[in-house]
């Protein structure tokens, strides 16, 4: 991958996928300026990072809009769980309301490229509230009309979380075991978070560099493997 000079704003940089996006951005030889909005200290330290730490998430949109000039790209890996939030209503305030508010702030600020980490298993007609909510968010950010809207849709996330998620951990164990036989047996339903992070950065950079047509780009699981593993290359 060839990267141009870029400034990026990132939300969710302390999470499983977001931390990989942050690490990938800091690894780029061009050393882009990274504005990382978070509630707590970031997992990666770099002179390229300008942390915007505030425990009050209601102020994050204003922090984003205060950046001048506007970042080239805004990446969101923001998300929580019902267990962490305390209820589905509380989860929705973060996963949907806060995500959408930040996307709107990015659009108002003049950001041209918006990237959202979503999920492959989402549907507006799903009987599962979480799946339906994620689909609604995808539709809402598409309607904002960014020059480039990138929706990254991974399958099962393969990585180590700080919090305990028994069902996910069980499925991860199966995926890792099968993956030891052949990665091709897991690529279509589970991806390593470092690969997802690289794919997200690659997709964002292609948009910033004018290598993609304007509009909506849905990055599927096969695209994630292609962008984050097969084609991933950082020029020194």
Protein backbone atom coordinates (compact mmCIF):
# COMPACT_ATOMS: atom_id res chain seq x y z
CA UNK A 1 0.00 0.00 0.00
CA UNK A 2 1.22 3.50 -0.80
CA UNK A 3 0.03 6.10 1.65
CA UNK A 4 -0.15 9.84 1.15
CA UNK A 5 0.02 12.59 3.74
CA UNK A 6 -3.12 12.32 5.81
CA UNK A 7 -4.67 13.42 9.06
CA UNK A 8 -7.12 11.05 10.68
CA UNK A 9 -9.59 11.24 13.54
CA UNK A 10 -10.36 7.98 15.32
CA UNK A 11 -13.02 7.00 17.81
CA UNK A 12 -12.93 3.65 19.58
CA UNK A 13 -9.14 3.46 19.62
CA UNK A 14 -9.05 1.65 22.96
CA UNK A 15 -11.20 -1.24 21.73
CA UNK A 16 -10.29 -4.55 20.11
CA UNK A 17 -10.40 -3.39 16.47
CA UNK A 18 -9.85 0.31 17.12
CA UNK A 19 -6.55 -0.32 18.90
CA UNK A 20 -5.35 -2.20 15.80
CA UNK A 21 -6.40 0.69 13.56
CA UNK A 22 -4.49 3.05 15.83
CA UNK A 23 -1.38 0.85 15.79
CA UNK A 24 -1.57 0.52 12.01
CA UNK A 25 -1.88 4.27 11.49
CA UNK A 26 1.14 4.92 13.71
CA UNK A 27 3.17 2.36 11.75
CA UNK A 28 2.82 4.24 8.46
CA UNK A 29 6.14 5.78 7.37
CA UNK A 30 4.36 9.03 6.43
CA UNK A 31 3.50 9.52 10.13
CA UNK A 32 -0.01 10.93 9.68
CA UNK A 33 -1.43 13.12 12.41
CA UNK A 34 -3.91 11.06 14.41
CA UNK A 35 -6.55 12.69 16.56
CA UNK A 36 -7.72 9.96 18.90
CA UNK A 37 -10.90 10.70 20.83
CA UNK A 38 -11.30 8.54 23.93
CA UNK A 39 -12.45 8.33 27.52
CA UNK A 40 -9.18 6.90 28.79
CA UNK A 41 -5.50 6.58 27.96
CA UNK A 42 -4.72 5.02 24.60
CA UNK A 43 -3.00 1.62 24.18
CA UNK A 44 -0.44 3.02 21.72
CA UNK A 45 2.01 5.84 22.30
CA UNK A 46 3.39 7.82 19.37
CA UNK A 47 4.43 11.34 18.52
CA UNK A 48 1.89 11.12 15.67
CA UNK A 49 -1.01 10.81 18.09
CA UNK A 50 -2.80 13.83 19.47
CA UNK A 51 -5.09 12.35 22.14
CA UNK A 52 -8.38 14.08 22.88
CA UNK A 53 -9.26 12.50 26.23
CA UNK A 54 -12.58 13.38 27.83
CA UNK A 55 -14.73 11.18 30.07
CA UNK A 56 -17.80 13.14 28.95
CA UNK A 57 -18.71 11.67 25.56
CA UNK A 58 -21.28 14.43 24.97
CA UNK A 59 -18.31 16.74 24.31
CA UNK A 60 -16.71 14.55 21.68
CA UNK A 61 -18.62 16.02 18.76
CA UNK A 62 -17.44 19.50 19.73
CA UNK A 63 -13.86 18.22 20.03
CA UNK A 64 -14.10 16.80 16.53
CA UNK A 65 -15.60 19.98 15.10
CA UNK A 66 -12.86 22.07 16.74
CA UNK A 67 -10.13 20.45 14.64
CA UNK A 68 -8.80 22.79 11.98
CA UNK A 69 -8.24 21.94 9.26
CA UNK A 70 -10.68 19.04 9.25
CA UNK A 71 -9.07 15.58 9.18
CA UNK A 72 -8.97 13.82 5.83
CA UNK A 73 -10.71 10.80 7.27
CA UNK A 74 -12.81 9.90 10.30
CA UNK A 75 -12.73 6.27 11.44
CA UNK A 76 -15.18 4.82 13.95
CA UNK A 77 -14.59 1.56 15.77
CA UNK A 78 -16.83 2.67 18.62
CA UNK A 79 -19.01 0.05 20.24
CA UNK A 80 -19.94 -1.62 23.49
CA UNK A 81 -22.02 -4.54 24.73
CA UNK A 82 -25.35 -4.77 26.51
CA UNK A 83 -23.54 -6.22 29.55
CA UNK A 84 -21.03 -3.38 29.69
CA UNK A 85 -23.64 -0.69 29.14
CA UNK A 86 -26.16 -2.18 31.59
CA UNK A 87 -29.09 -2.41 29.18
CA UNK A 88 -29.81 -2.45 25.47
CA UNK A 89 -31.16 1.11 25.69
CA UNK A 90 -27.86 2.26 27.19
CA UNK A 91 -25.92 0.31 24.56
CA UNK A 92 -27.92 1.96 21.78
CA UNK A 93 -26.99 5.41 23.12
CA UNK A 94 -23.36 4.53 22.41
CA UNK A 95 -23.49 2.21 19.43
CA UNK A 96 -26.12 4.19 17.52
CA UNK A 97 -26.74 7.65 18.98
CA UNK A 98 -23.13 8.58 19.77
CA UNK A 99 -21.79 7.02 16.58
CA UNK A 100 -24.30 8.93 14.48
CA UNK A 101 -23.70 12.20 16.34
CA UNK A 102 -19.97 11.91 15.66
CA UNK A 103 -20.55 11.04 12.01
CA UNK A 104 -22.72 14.16 11.67
CA UNK A 105 -20.04 16.25 13.38
CA UNK A 106 -17.44 14.89 10.96
CA UNK A 107 -19.65 15.74 7.99
CA UNK A 108 -20.29 19.26 9.29
CA UNK A 109 -16.55 19.72 9.80
CA UNK A 110 -15.81 18.97 6.17
CA UNK A 111 -14.42 15.43 6.53
CA UNK A 112 -14.58 13.75 3.10
CA UNK A 113 -14.00 10.11 4.02
CA UNK A 114 -15.90 8.29 6.75
CA UNK A 115 -15.17 4.71 7.77
CA UNK A 116 -17.32 2.60 10.08
CA UNK A 117 -16.42 -0.75 11.59
CA UNK A 118 -19.71 -2.64 11.48
CA UNK A 119 -20.42 -6.37 11.28
CA UNK A 120 -21.26 -8.92 8.62
CA UNK A 121 -24.26 -10.22 10.56
CA UNK A 122 -26.54 -7.18 10.47
CA UNK A 123 -30.02 -6.78 9.05
CA UNK A 124 -32.91 -4.34 9.41
CA UNK A 125 -35.29 -7.31 9.48
CA UNK A 126 -33.32 -9.26 12.07
CA UNK A 127 -35.21 -10.44 15.18
CA UNK A 128 -32.11 -9.54 17.18
CA UNK A 129 -32.07 -5.91 18.39
CA UNK A 130 -28.28 -5.58 18.10
CA UNK A 131 -28.20 -6.74 14.50
CA UNK A 132 -31.08 -4.44 13.59
CA UNK A 133 -29.45 -1.48 15.34
CA UNK A 134 -26.17 -1.94 13.45
CA UNK A 135 -28.06 -2.07 10.14
CA UNK A 136 -29.91 1.13 11.04
CA UNK A 137 -26.60 2.84 11.80
CA UNK A 138 -25.15 1.78 8.46
CA UNK A 139 -28.15 3.24 6.65
CA UNK A 140 -28.03 6.47 8.68
CA UNK A 141 -24.36 7.20 7.97
CA UNK A 142 -24.80 6.41 4.28
CA UNK A 143 -27.53 9.05 4.12
CA UNK A 144 -25.13 11.74 5.40
CA UNK A 145 -23.54 11.89 1.96
CA UNK A 146 -19.82 11.77 2.63
CA UNK A 147 -17.67 11.86 -0.48
CA UNK A 148 -16.55 8.37 0.56
CA UNK A 149 -18.48 6.19 3.01
CA UNK A 150 -16.68 2.95 3.87
CA UNK A 151 -18.51 0.23 5.80
CA UNK A 152 -16.17 -2.52 7.00
CA UNK A 153 -18.08 -5.72 7.78
CA UNK A 154 -15.93 -8.35 9.53
CA UNK A 155 -17.16 -11.68 10.79
CA UNK A 156 -16.10 -13.11 14.13
CA UNK A 157 -13.30 -11.03 15.62
CA UNK A 158 -10.18 -13.02 16.47
CA UNK A 159 -8.24 -11.28 19.21
CA UNK A 160 -7.83 -10.99 22.96
CA UNK A 161 -10.28 -8.76 24.80
CA UNK A 162 -9.80 -7.21 28.22
CA UNK A 163 -13.38 -8.12 29.13
CA UNK A 164 -14.85 -11.61 29.27
CA UNK A 165 -17.25 -12.74 26.53
CA UNK A 166 -17.72 -16.52 26.99
CA UNK A 167 -19.66 -17.25 23.79
CA UNK A 168 -17.27 -15.22 21.65
CA UNK A 169 -14.27 -16.85 23.36
CA UNK A 170 -15.73 -20.30 22.61
CA UNK A 171 -16.21 -19.47 18.93
CA UNK A 172 -12.75 -17.92 18.78
CA UNK A 173 -11.32 -21.18 20.09
CA UNK A 174 -13.01 -23.10 17.29
CA UNK A 175 -11.85 -20.61 14.67
CA UNK A 176 -8.26 -20.65 15.91
CA UNK A 177 -8.23 -24.45 15.96
CA UNK A 178 -9.59 -24.70 12.43
CA UNK A 179 -7.26 -21.91 11.32
CA UNK A 180 -4.26 -23.97 12.40
CA UNK A 181 -5.25 -26.49 9.73
CA UNK A 182 -5.84 -23.87 7.05
CA UNK A 183 -6.58 -20.13 7.14
CA UNK A 184 -8.90 -20.64 4.17
CA UNK A 185 -11.28 -22.51 6.49
CA UNK A 186 -11.79 -19.41 8.64
CA UNK A 187 -11.28 -16.47 6.29
CA UNK A 188 -14.92 -16.40 5.22
CA UNK A 189 -16.37 -16.24 8.76
CA UNK A 190 -13.65 -15.03 11.16
CA UNK A 191 -10.75 -12.56 10.80
CA UNK A 192 -7.80 -11.59 12.99
CA UNK A 193 -8.23 -8.08 14.38
CA UNK A 194 -4.81 -6.97 13.13
CA UNK A 195 -5.91 -7.89 9.60
CA UNK A 196 -9.15 -5.94 10.07
CA UNK A 197 -7.19 -2.93 11.31
CA UNK A 198 -4.89 -3.00 8.30
CA UNK A 199 -7.83 -3.46 5.92
CA UNK A 200 -9.60 -0.46 7.44
CA UNK A 201 -6.54 1.76 7.07
CA UNK A 202 -5.90 0.52 3.53
CA UNK A 203 -9.50 1.24 2.51
CA UNK A 204 -9.40 4.70 4.08
CA UNK A 205 -6.10 5.55 2.43
CA UNK A 206 -7.33 4.46 -1.00
CA UNK A 207 -10.22 6.89 -0.65
CA UNK A 208 -8.03 9.74 0.55
CA UNK A 209 -5.62 9.17 -2.32
CA UNK A 210 -8.41 9.23 -4.91
CA UNK A 211 -8.01 5.58 -5.85
CA UNK A 212 -11.69 4.80 -5.26
CA UNK A 213 -14.77 6.19 -6.92
CA UNK A 214 -16.91 8.39 -4.70
CA UNK A 215 -19.85 6.81 -2.94
CA UNK A 216 -20.41 3.89 -0.61
CA UNK A 217 -17.86 1.07 -0.37
CA UNK A 218 -18.91 -2.03 1.57
CA UNK A 219 -15.78 -3.92 2.60
CA UNK A 220 -16.76 -7.58 2.93
CA UNK A 221 -14.92 -10.35 4.76
CA UNK A 222 -13.14 -11.41 1.57
CA UNK A 223 -12.17 -7.77 0.97
CA UNK A 224 -10.76 -7.61 4.53
CA UNK A 225 -8.48 -10.57 3.84
CA UNK A 226 -7.41 -9.08 0.51
CA UNK A 227 -6.75 -5.56 1.81
CA UNK A 228 -5.35 -6.51 5.21
CA UNK A 229 -3.26 -9.55 4.32
CA UNK A 230 -2.89 -10.44 0.62
CA UNK A 231 -2.30 -6.92 -0.71
CA UNK A 232 -1.05 -5.23 2.44
CA UNK A 233 2.27 -3.55 1.88
CA UNK A 234 3.66 -0.35 3.34
CA UNK A 235 6.28 1.30 1.19
CA UNK A 236 9.32 2.43 3.18
